[in-house]
N, C-alpha and C. Protein backbone atom coordinates (compact mmCIF):
# COMPACT_ATOMS: atom_id res chain seq x y z
N MET A 1 -5.82 16.60 -25.32
CA MET A 1 -4.73 16.40 -24.39
C MET A 1 -5.29 16.13 -23.01
N ALA A 2 -4.63 15.29 -22.26
CA ALA A 2 -5.10 14.90 -20.93
C ALA A 2 -4.97 16.07 -19.96
N LYS A 3 -5.84 16.09 -18.98
CA LYS A 3 -5.82 17.12 -17.97
C LYS A 3 -4.65 16.87 -17.02
N LEU A 4 -3.90 17.92 -16.69
CA LEU A 4 -2.76 17.78 -15.80
C LEU A 4 -3.21 17.69 -14.35
N THR A 5 -2.48 16.92 -13.56
CA THR A 5 -2.78 16.84 -12.13
C THR A 5 -2.22 18.08 -11.43
N LYS A 6 -2.59 18.26 -10.18
CA LYS A 6 -2.10 19.41 -9.41
C LYS A 6 -0.58 19.37 -9.31
N ALA A 7 -0.03 18.19 -9.05
CA ALA A 7 1.43 18.06 -8.93
C ALA A 7 2.11 18.41 -10.25
N GLN A 8 1.51 18.02 -11.36
CA GLN A 8 2.09 18.34 -12.67
C GLN A 8 2.01 19.84 -12.96
N ARG A 9 0.91 20.49 -12.58
CA ARG A 9 0.77 21.92 -12.82
C ARG A 9 1.74 22.73 -11.96
N GLU A 10 2.03 22.27 -10.75
CA GLU A 10 2.89 23.02 -9.83
C GLU A 10 4.37 22.71 -10.01
N TRP A 11 4.71 21.74 -10.85
CA TRP A 11 6.11 21.36 -11.01
C TRP A 11 6.90 22.45 -11.73
N ARG A 12 8.10 22.67 -11.26
CA ARG A 12 9.03 23.60 -11.89
C ARG A 12 10.37 22.90 -12.03
N PRO A 13 11.18 23.26 -13.04
CA PRO A 13 12.49 22.62 -13.18
C PRO A 13 13.33 22.78 -11.93
N GLY A 14 14.00 21.72 -11.56
CA GLY A 14 14.86 21.73 -10.38
C GLY A 14 14.15 21.38 -9.08
N MET A 15 12.84 21.21 -9.13
CA MET A 15 12.12 20.85 -7.91
C MET A 15 12.44 19.41 -7.54
N PRO A 16 12.71 19.17 -6.26
CA PRO A 16 12.95 17.78 -5.87
C PRO A 16 11.65 16.99 -5.89
N LYS A 17 11.75 15.74 -6.26
CA LYS A 17 10.57 14.88 -6.33
C LYS A 17 10.18 14.47 -4.91
N LYS A 18 8.90 14.56 -4.61
CA LYS A 18 8.41 14.17 -3.28
C LYS A 18 8.56 12.66 -3.12
N ARG A 19 9.10 12.26 -1.98
CA ARG A 19 9.32 10.85 -1.71
C ARG A 19 7.99 10.16 -1.41
N ARG A 20 7.77 9.00 -2.04
CA ARG A 20 6.55 8.22 -1.79
C ARG A 20 6.75 7.35 -0.56
N SER A 21 5.69 7.13 0.17
CA SER A 21 5.74 6.31 1.37
C SER A 21 5.85 4.83 1.02
N THR A 22 6.84 4.18 1.58
CA THR A 22 7.01 2.74 1.37
C THR A 22 5.89 1.98 2.09
N LYS A 23 5.47 2.48 3.25
CA LYS A 23 4.38 1.84 3.98
C LYS A 23 3.11 1.81 3.15
N VAL A 24 2.80 2.91 2.50
CA VAL A 24 1.59 2.98 1.66
C VAL A 24 1.72 2.04 0.47
N MET A 25 2.91 1.99 -0.11
CA MET A 25 3.13 1.11 -1.26
C MET A 25 2.96 -0.36 -0.86
N PHE A 26 3.56 -0.76 0.27
CA PHE A 26 3.42 -2.14 0.73
C PHE A 26 1.96 -2.46 1.07
N ALA A 27 1.29 -1.55 1.77
CA ALA A 27 -0.10 -1.77 2.16
C ALA A 27 -1.00 -1.91 0.94
N SER A 28 -0.80 -1.05 -0.04
CA SER A 28 -1.62 -1.11 -1.25
C SER A 28 -1.40 -2.41 -2.02
N THR A 29 -0.16 -2.86 -2.05
CA THR A 29 0.14 -4.12 -2.74
C THR A 29 -0.58 -5.29 -2.09
N VAL A 30 -0.53 -5.36 -0.76
CA VAL A 30 -1.19 -6.46 -0.05
C VAL A 30 -2.70 -6.39 -0.27
N LEU A 31 -3.27 -5.19 -0.18
CA LEU A 31 -4.72 -5.06 -0.36
C LEU A 31 -5.17 -5.45 -1.76
N LEU A 32 -4.41 -5.08 -2.78
CA LEU A 32 -4.79 -5.46 -4.15
C LEU A 32 -4.68 -6.96 -4.36
N LEU A 33 -3.65 -7.57 -3.79
CA LEU A 33 -3.54 -9.03 -3.90
C LEU A 33 -4.71 -9.71 -3.18
N GLU A 34 -5.11 -9.15 -2.06
CA GLU A 34 -6.26 -9.71 -1.34
C GLU A 34 -7.55 -9.54 -2.13
N ALA A 35 -7.66 -8.47 -2.88
CA ALA A 35 -8.86 -8.28 -3.71
C ALA A 35 -8.96 -9.40 -4.75
N PHE A 36 -7.82 -9.77 -5.35
CA PHE A 36 -7.83 -10.90 -6.29
C PHE A 36 -8.20 -12.19 -5.57
N VAL A 37 -7.68 -12.38 -4.38
CA VAL A 37 -8.00 -13.59 -3.61
C VAL A 37 -9.49 -13.62 -3.29
N ALA A 38 -10.07 -12.47 -2.98
CA ALA A 38 -11.50 -12.42 -2.69
C ALA A 38 -12.32 -12.82 -3.92
N VAL A 39 -11.90 -12.38 -5.09
CA VAL A 39 -12.61 -12.75 -6.32
C VAL A 39 -12.52 -14.25 -6.55
N PHE A 40 -11.31 -14.81 -6.43
CA PHE A 40 -11.16 -16.24 -6.66
C PHE A 40 -11.82 -17.06 -5.55
N GLY A 41 -11.82 -16.54 -4.32
CA GLY A 41 -12.54 -17.21 -3.24
C GLY A 41 -14.04 -17.22 -3.49
N THR A 42 -14.54 -16.13 -4.06
CA THR A 42 -15.95 -16.06 -4.41
C THR A 42 -16.31 -17.13 -5.44
N LEU A 43 -15.45 -17.30 -6.42
CA LEU A 43 -15.70 -18.35 -7.42
C LEU A 43 -15.65 -19.74 -6.81
N ALA A 44 -14.73 -19.93 -5.85
CA ALA A 44 -14.65 -21.24 -5.19
C ALA A 44 -15.90 -21.52 -4.37
N VAL A 45 -16.36 -20.53 -3.62
CA VAL A 45 -17.58 -20.72 -2.83
C VAL A 45 -18.77 -20.95 -3.75
N PHE A 46 -18.84 -20.23 -4.86
CA PHE A 46 -19.93 -20.44 -5.80
C PHE A 46 -19.90 -21.86 -6.35
N GLY A 47 -18.73 -22.35 -6.71
CA GLY A 47 -18.63 -23.69 -7.27
C GLY A 47 -18.92 -24.79 -6.26
N LEU A 48 -18.55 -24.57 -5.00
CA LEU A 48 -18.70 -25.61 -3.99
C LEU A 48 -20.00 -25.53 -3.19
N ARG A 49 -20.57 -24.34 -3.06
CA ARG A 49 -21.71 -24.19 -2.16
C ARG A 49 -22.89 -23.44 -2.76
N ARG A 50 -23.05 -23.50 -4.06
CA ARG A 50 -24.16 -22.76 -4.64
C ARG A 50 -25.52 -23.35 -4.28
N ASP A 51 -25.54 -24.60 -3.79
CA ASP A 51 -26.80 -25.18 -3.34
C ASP A 51 -27.18 -24.67 -1.95
N GLU A 52 -26.18 -24.28 -1.16
CA GLU A 52 -26.43 -23.82 0.21
C GLU A 52 -26.76 -22.33 0.26
N PHE A 53 -26.14 -21.54 -0.61
CA PHE A 53 -26.33 -20.08 -0.61
C PHE A 53 -26.79 -19.63 -1.98
N SER A 54 -27.54 -18.56 -2.00
CA SER A 54 -28.00 -17.99 -3.27
C SER A 54 -26.79 -17.48 -4.06
N PRO A 55 -26.72 -17.79 -5.36
CA PRO A 55 -25.61 -17.26 -6.17
C PRO A 55 -25.53 -15.73 -6.13
N ALA A 56 -26.67 -15.07 -6.07
CA ALA A 56 -26.66 -13.60 -6.00
C ALA A 56 -26.00 -13.14 -4.71
N LEU A 57 -26.27 -13.84 -3.61
CA LEU A 57 -25.66 -13.49 -2.33
C LEU A 57 -24.15 -13.74 -2.36
N ILE A 58 -23.77 -14.88 -2.90
CA ILE A 58 -22.34 -15.22 -2.97
C ILE A 58 -21.58 -14.17 -3.76
N PHE A 59 -22.08 -13.84 -4.95
CA PHE A 59 -21.36 -12.89 -5.80
C PHE A 59 -21.41 -11.47 -5.25
N SER A 60 -22.53 -11.07 -4.67
CA SER A 60 -22.61 -9.70 -4.15
C SER A 60 -21.66 -9.51 -2.96
N VAL A 61 -21.59 -10.49 -2.06
CA VAL A 61 -20.69 -10.38 -0.92
C VAL A 61 -19.23 -10.47 -1.37
N GLY A 62 -18.94 -11.43 -2.22
CA GLY A 62 -17.56 -11.64 -2.65
C GLY A 62 -17.01 -10.48 -3.47
N ILE A 63 -17.79 -10.04 -4.44
CA ILE A 63 -17.33 -8.93 -5.28
C ILE A 63 -17.32 -7.64 -4.47
N GLY A 64 -18.28 -7.49 -3.57
CA GLY A 64 -18.28 -6.32 -2.68
C GLY A 64 -17.03 -6.26 -1.82
N LEU A 65 -16.63 -7.41 -1.26
CA LEU A 65 -15.42 -7.47 -0.46
C LEU A 65 -14.19 -7.13 -1.30
N ALA A 66 -14.14 -7.65 -2.51
CA ALA A 66 -13.01 -7.36 -3.40
C ALA A 66 -12.94 -5.86 -3.72
N LEU A 67 -14.08 -5.23 -3.96
CA LEU A 67 -14.09 -3.79 -4.25
C LEU A 67 -13.67 -2.97 -3.03
N VAL A 68 -14.15 -3.36 -1.85
CA VAL A 68 -13.74 -2.65 -0.63
C VAL A 68 -12.24 -2.78 -0.42
N LEU A 69 -11.69 -3.98 -0.64
CA LEU A 69 -10.25 -4.17 -0.51
C LEU A 69 -9.49 -3.29 -1.50
N ALA A 70 -9.95 -3.23 -2.73
CA ALA A 70 -9.26 -2.43 -3.75
C ALA A 70 -9.39 -0.93 -3.45
N PHE A 71 -10.56 -0.48 -3.06
CA PHE A 71 -10.74 0.95 -2.81
C PHE A 71 -10.09 1.40 -1.51
N THR A 72 -9.78 0.49 -0.63
CA THR A 72 -9.08 0.85 0.60
C THR A 72 -7.66 1.35 0.29
N CYS A 73 -7.13 0.96 -0.84
CA CYS A 73 -5.80 1.46 -1.24
C CYS A 73 -5.78 2.98 -1.30
N ALA A 74 -6.91 3.58 -1.61
CA ALA A 74 -6.99 5.04 -1.73
C ALA A 74 -6.95 5.74 -0.37
N VAL A 75 -7.26 5.03 0.70
CA VAL A 75 -7.33 5.68 2.01
C VAL A 75 -6.26 5.22 2.98
N VAL A 76 -5.31 4.40 2.54
CA VAL A 76 -4.27 3.96 3.48
C VAL A 76 -3.35 5.11 3.87
N THR A 77 -3.40 6.23 3.16
CA THR A 77 -2.61 7.39 3.55
C THR A 77 -3.24 8.14 4.72
N LYS A 78 -4.51 7.92 4.96
CA LYS A 78 -5.20 8.58 6.07
C LYS A 78 -4.92 7.82 7.37
N PRO A 79 -5.02 8.48 8.51
CA PRO A 79 -4.72 7.81 9.78
C PRO A 79 -5.62 6.59 10.04
N TRP A 80 -6.86 6.64 9.63
CA TRP A 80 -7.78 5.53 9.88
C TRP A 80 -7.70 4.45 8.80
N GLY A 81 -6.96 4.70 7.74
CA GLY A 81 -6.86 3.74 6.63
C GLY A 81 -6.18 2.45 7.03
N ILE A 82 -5.15 2.53 7.85
CA ILE A 82 -4.46 1.32 8.30
C ILE A 82 -5.38 0.51 9.21
N GLY A 83 -6.15 1.19 10.04
CA GLY A 83 -7.12 0.50 10.90
C GLY A 83 -8.16 -0.24 10.07
N LEU A 84 -8.63 0.41 9.01
CA LEU A 84 -9.58 -0.25 8.10
C LEU A 84 -8.93 -1.48 7.46
N GLY A 85 -7.65 -1.36 7.13
CA GLY A 85 -6.94 -2.51 6.57
C GLY A 85 -6.89 -3.68 7.55
N TRP A 86 -6.67 -3.38 8.84
CA TRP A 86 -6.67 -4.46 9.85
C TRP A 86 -8.04 -5.11 9.96
N ILE A 87 -9.09 -4.30 9.90
CA ILE A 87 -10.45 -4.86 9.95
C ILE A 87 -10.68 -5.78 8.76
N LEU A 88 -10.22 -5.36 7.59
CA LEU A 88 -10.38 -6.20 6.39
C LEU A 88 -9.57 -7.49 6.49
N GLN A 89 -8.44 -7.45 7.20
CA GLN A 89 -7.68 -8.69 7.42
C GLN A 89 -8.52 -9.68 8.22
N LEU A 90 -9.21 -9.17 9.25
CA LEU A 90 -10.07 -10.04 10.06
C LEU A 90 -11.25 -10.56 9.25
N VAL A 91 -11.79 -9.72 8.36
CA VAL A 91 -12.91 -10.16 7.51
C VAL A 91 -12.44 -11.28 6.58
N LEU A 92 -11.24 -11.13 6.01
CA LEU A 92 -10.73 -12.16 5.11
C LEU A 92 -10.50 -13.47 5.86
N ILE A 93 -9.98 -13.39 7.08
CA ILE A 93 -9.80 -14.61 7.88
C ILE A 93 -11.16 -15.21 8.21
N ALA A 94 -12.13 -14.36 8.56
CA ALA A 94 -13.48 -14.85 8.91
C ALA A 94 -14.20 -15.46 7.72
N SER A 95 -13.76 -15.15 6.51
CA SER A 95 -14.40 -15.76 5.35
C SER A 95 -14.13 -17.26 5.29
N GLY A 96 -13.27 -17.74 6.16
CA GLY A 96 -13.04 -19.18 6.28
C GLY A 96 -14.27 -19.94 6.74
N ILE A 97 -15.26 -19.23 7.24
CA ILE A 97 -16.53 -19.86 7.62
C ILE A 97 -17.16 -20.50 6.39
N PHE A 98 -17.02 -19.86 5.25
CA PHE A 98 -17.64 -20.36 4.02
C PHE A 98 -16.71 -21.25 3.21
N GLU A 99 -15.41 -21.00 3.29
CA GLU A 99 -14.42 -21.82 2.60
C GLU A 99 -13.23 -21.99 3.55
N PRO A 100 -13.11 -23.15 4.20
CA PRO A 100 -12.11 -23.34 5.26
C PRO A 100 -10.67 -23.01 4.85
N ALA A 101 -10.33 -23.12 3.59
CA ALA A 101 -8.97 -22.77 3.16
C ALA A 101 -8.67 -21.29 3.38
N MET A 102 -9.71 -20.47 3.47
CA MET A 102 -9.51 -19.04 3.67
C MET A 102 -8.98 -18.72 5.06
N TYR A 103 -9.14 -19.63 6.02
CA TYR A 103 -8.51 -19.41 7.33
C TYR A 103 -7.00 -19.30 7.16
N LEU A 104 -6.43 -20.22 6.42
CA LEU A 104 -4.98 -20.21 6.19
C LEU A 104 -4.59 -19.04 5.29
N VAL A 105 -5.29 -18.86 4.19
CA VAL A 105 -4.95 -17.79 3.25
C VAL A 105 -5.10 -16.42 3.93
N GLY A 106 -6.18 -16.23 4.65
CA GLY A 106 -6.39 -14.96 5.35
C GLY A 106 -5.33 -14.71 6.41
N SER A 107 -4.94 -15.76 7.13
CA SER A 107 -3.90 -15.60 8.15
C SER A 107 -2.56 -15.24 7.51
N LEU A 108 -2.24 -15.87 6.40
CA LEU A 108 -0.98 -15.56 5.72
C LEU A 108 -0.98 -14.12 5.20
N PHE A 109 -2.11 -13.67 4.69
CA PHE A 109 -2.18 -12.29 4.25
C PHE A 109 -2.13 -11.31 5.42
N ALA A 110 -2.69 -11.68 6.57
CA ALA A 110 -2.60 -10.83 7.75
C ALA A 110 -1.14 -10.68 8.19
N VAL A 111 -0.38 -11.77 8.10
CA VAL A 111 1.05 -11.69 8.43
C VAL A 111 1.76 -10.80 7.41
N ALA A 112 1.42 -10.94 6.14
CA ALA A 112 2.03 -10.09 5.11
C ALA A 112 1.67 -8.62 5.34
N TRP A 113 0.43 -8.36 5.74
CA TRP A 113 -0.02 -7.00 6.04
C TRP A 113 0.79 -6.42 7.21
N TRP A 114 0.91 -7.20 8.29
CA TRP A 114 1.66 -6.76 9.46
C TRP A 114 3.12 -6.46 9.09
N TYR A 115 3.73 -7.37 8.36
CA TYR A 115 5.12 -7.21 7.99
C TYR A 115 5.31 -6.00 7.07
N GLY A 116 4.42 -5.82 6.11
CA GLY A 116 4.50 -4.68 5.20
C GLY A 116 4.36 -3.35 5.92
N ILE A 117 3.42 -3.27 6.85
CA ILE A 117 3.23 -2.03 7.61
C ILE A 117 4.45 -1.76 8.48
N ARG A 118 4.88 -2.78 9.21
CA ARG A 118 6.02 -2.64 10.12
C ARG A 118 7.29 -2.25 9.36
N THR A 119 7.58 -2.96 8.29
CA THR A 119 8.78 -2.68 7.52
C THR A 119 8.66 -1.34 6.79
N GLY A 120 7.49 -1.03 6.27
CA GLY A 120 7.29 0.25 5.59
C GLY A 120 7.51 1.44 6.51
N ILE A 121 7.03 1.34 7.75
CA ILE A 121 7.24 2.42 8.72
C ILE A 121 8.74 2.59 8.99
N ARG A 122 9.45 1.48 9.16
CA ARG A 122 10.89 1.54 9.43
C ARG A 122 11.63 2.17 8.25
N ILE A 123 11.31 1.75 7.03
CA ILE A 123 11.98 2.29 5.84
C ILE A 123 11.66 3.77 5.67
N ASP A 124 10.41 4.17 5.90
CA ASP A 124 10.06 5.59 5.80
C ASP A 124 10.80 6.42 6.84
N ARG A 125 10.94 5.89 8.06
CA ARG A 125 11.67 6.60 9.11
C ARG A 125 13.14 6.78 8.72
N GLU A 126 13.75 5.71 8.18
CA GLU A 126 15.15 5.80 7.76
C GLU A 126 15.32 6.77 6.59
N ALA A 127 14.39 6.79 5.67
CA ALA A 127 14.47 7.70 4.53
C ALA A 127 14.33 9.16 5.00
N ALA A 128 13.45 9.40 5.96
CA ALA A 128 13.30 10.76 6.49
C ALA A 128 14.58 11.20 7.19
N GLN A 129 15.21 10.29 7.92
CA GLN A 129 16.47 10.62 8.57
C GLN A 129 17.56 10.95 7.54
N ARG A 130 17.64 10.15 6.46
CA ARG A 130 18.61 10.42 5.40
C ARG A 130 18.35 11.78 4.75
N ASP A 131 17.06 12.11 4.55
CA ASP A 131 16.72 13.40 3.96
C ASP A 131 17.15 14.56 4.87
N ARG A 132 16.93 14.41 6.19
CA ARG A 132 17.35 15.45 7.12
C ARG A 132 18.87 15.61 7.12
N GLU A 133 19.58 14.49 7.12
CA GLU A 133 21.05 14.56 7.10
C GLU A 133 21.55 15.18 5.80
N GLN A 134 20.93 14.84 4.69
CA GLN A 134 21.33 15.42 3.40
C GLN A 134 21.07 16.92 3.38
N ALA A 135 19.93 17.35 3.90
CA ALA A 135 19.61 18.78 3.94
C ALA A 135 20.60 19.52 4.84
N ALA A 136 20.97 18.92 5.96
CA ALA A 136 21.95 19.55 6.86
C ALA A 136 23.31 19.65 6.18
N TRP A 137 23.70 18.62 5.46
CA TRP A 137 24.99 18.64 4.77
C TRP A 137 24.99 19.70 3.68
N GLU A 138 23.89 19.77 2.91
CA GLU A 138 23.82 20.76 1.84
C GLU A 138 23.80 22.18 2.40
N ALA A 139 23.20 22.38 3.58
CA ALA A 139 23.21 23.70 4.20
C ALA A 139 24.62 24.07 4.66
N ALA A 140 25.37 23.08 5.15
CA ALA A 140 26.73 23.34 5.61
C ALA A 140 27.72 23.46 4.47
N HIS A 141 27.41 22.90 3.33
CA HIS A 141 28.30 22.91 2.16
C HIS A 141 27.54 23.42 0.93
N PRO A 142 27.32 24.74 0.86
CA PRO A 142 26.60 25.26 -0.30
C PRO A 142 27.36 25.00 -1.59
N ALA A 143 26.64 24.80 -2.66
CA ALA A 143 27.25 24.48 -3.96
C ALA A 143 28.08 25.66 -4.44
N GLY A 144 29.31 25.35 -4.86
CA GLY A 144 30.19 26.36 -5.43
C GLY A 144 30.93 27.20 -4.41
N SER A 145 30.77 26.95 -3.11
CA SER A 145 31.42 27.78 -2.10
C SER A 145 32.89 27.42 -1.92
N GLU A 146 33.23 26.16 -2.02
CA GLU A 146 34.61 25.75 -1.84
C GLU A 146 34.88 24.54 -2.73
N PRO A 147 36.10 24.44 -3.21
CA PRO A 147 36.40 23.29 -4.07
C PRO A 147 36.47 22.01 -3.26
N GLU A 148 36.16 20.93 -3.93
CA GLU A 148 36.23 19.64 -3.27
C GLU A 148 37.67 19.23 -3.09
N PRO A 149 37.99 18.45 -2.03
CA PRO A 149 39.38 18.03 -1.84
C PRO A 149 39.86 17.24 -3.03
N GLY A 150 41.07 17.56 -3.46
CA GLY A 150 41.66 16.84 -4.58
C GLY A 150 41.26 17.42 -5.93
N ALA A 151 40.36 18.41 -5.95
CA ALA A 151 39.94 18.99 -7.23
C ALA A 151 41.01 19.98 -7.69
N ARG A 152 41.23 20.05 -8.97
CA ARG A 152 42.24 20.94 -9.54
C ARG A 152 41.60 22.27 -9.88
N ASN A 153 42.31 23.34 -9.57
CA ASN A 153 41.82 24.67 -9.93
C ASN A 153 42.31 25.01 -11.33
N PRO A 154 41.46 25.53 -12.19
CA PRO A 154 41.90 25.85 -13.56
C PRO A 154 42.74 27.09 -13.62
């Protein structure tokens, strides 16, 4: 049997599920898509410029960049993780030095990154506000304390 995670071991019936961050979800999605782009960009540079650069250099840099992009998904929850994501956006744009199409692709992904972070922060803020309002309402209206309007008493 598989080993249970900490969250699974601590779960009890009736516990509310912890809300996941939309900002983290959007950021991770963009970073994983960029990792695929880095792999395919590596293949393009290898096919077009293997006479100019060593194939070992091309693949080590390209695959290394793809791995860094993918593993950054694990740290976007940390305060410095978003900053690292911005640095990686600049690296992806700068990869246009080797394949000029990457200037456009990297810029488009930087816009997607900016939009995902900005929108994710807004959605997380709105969700936190809804949670606070729901908790306040539930505190003011405990379950079973009074019948709902229009409800029939047996």
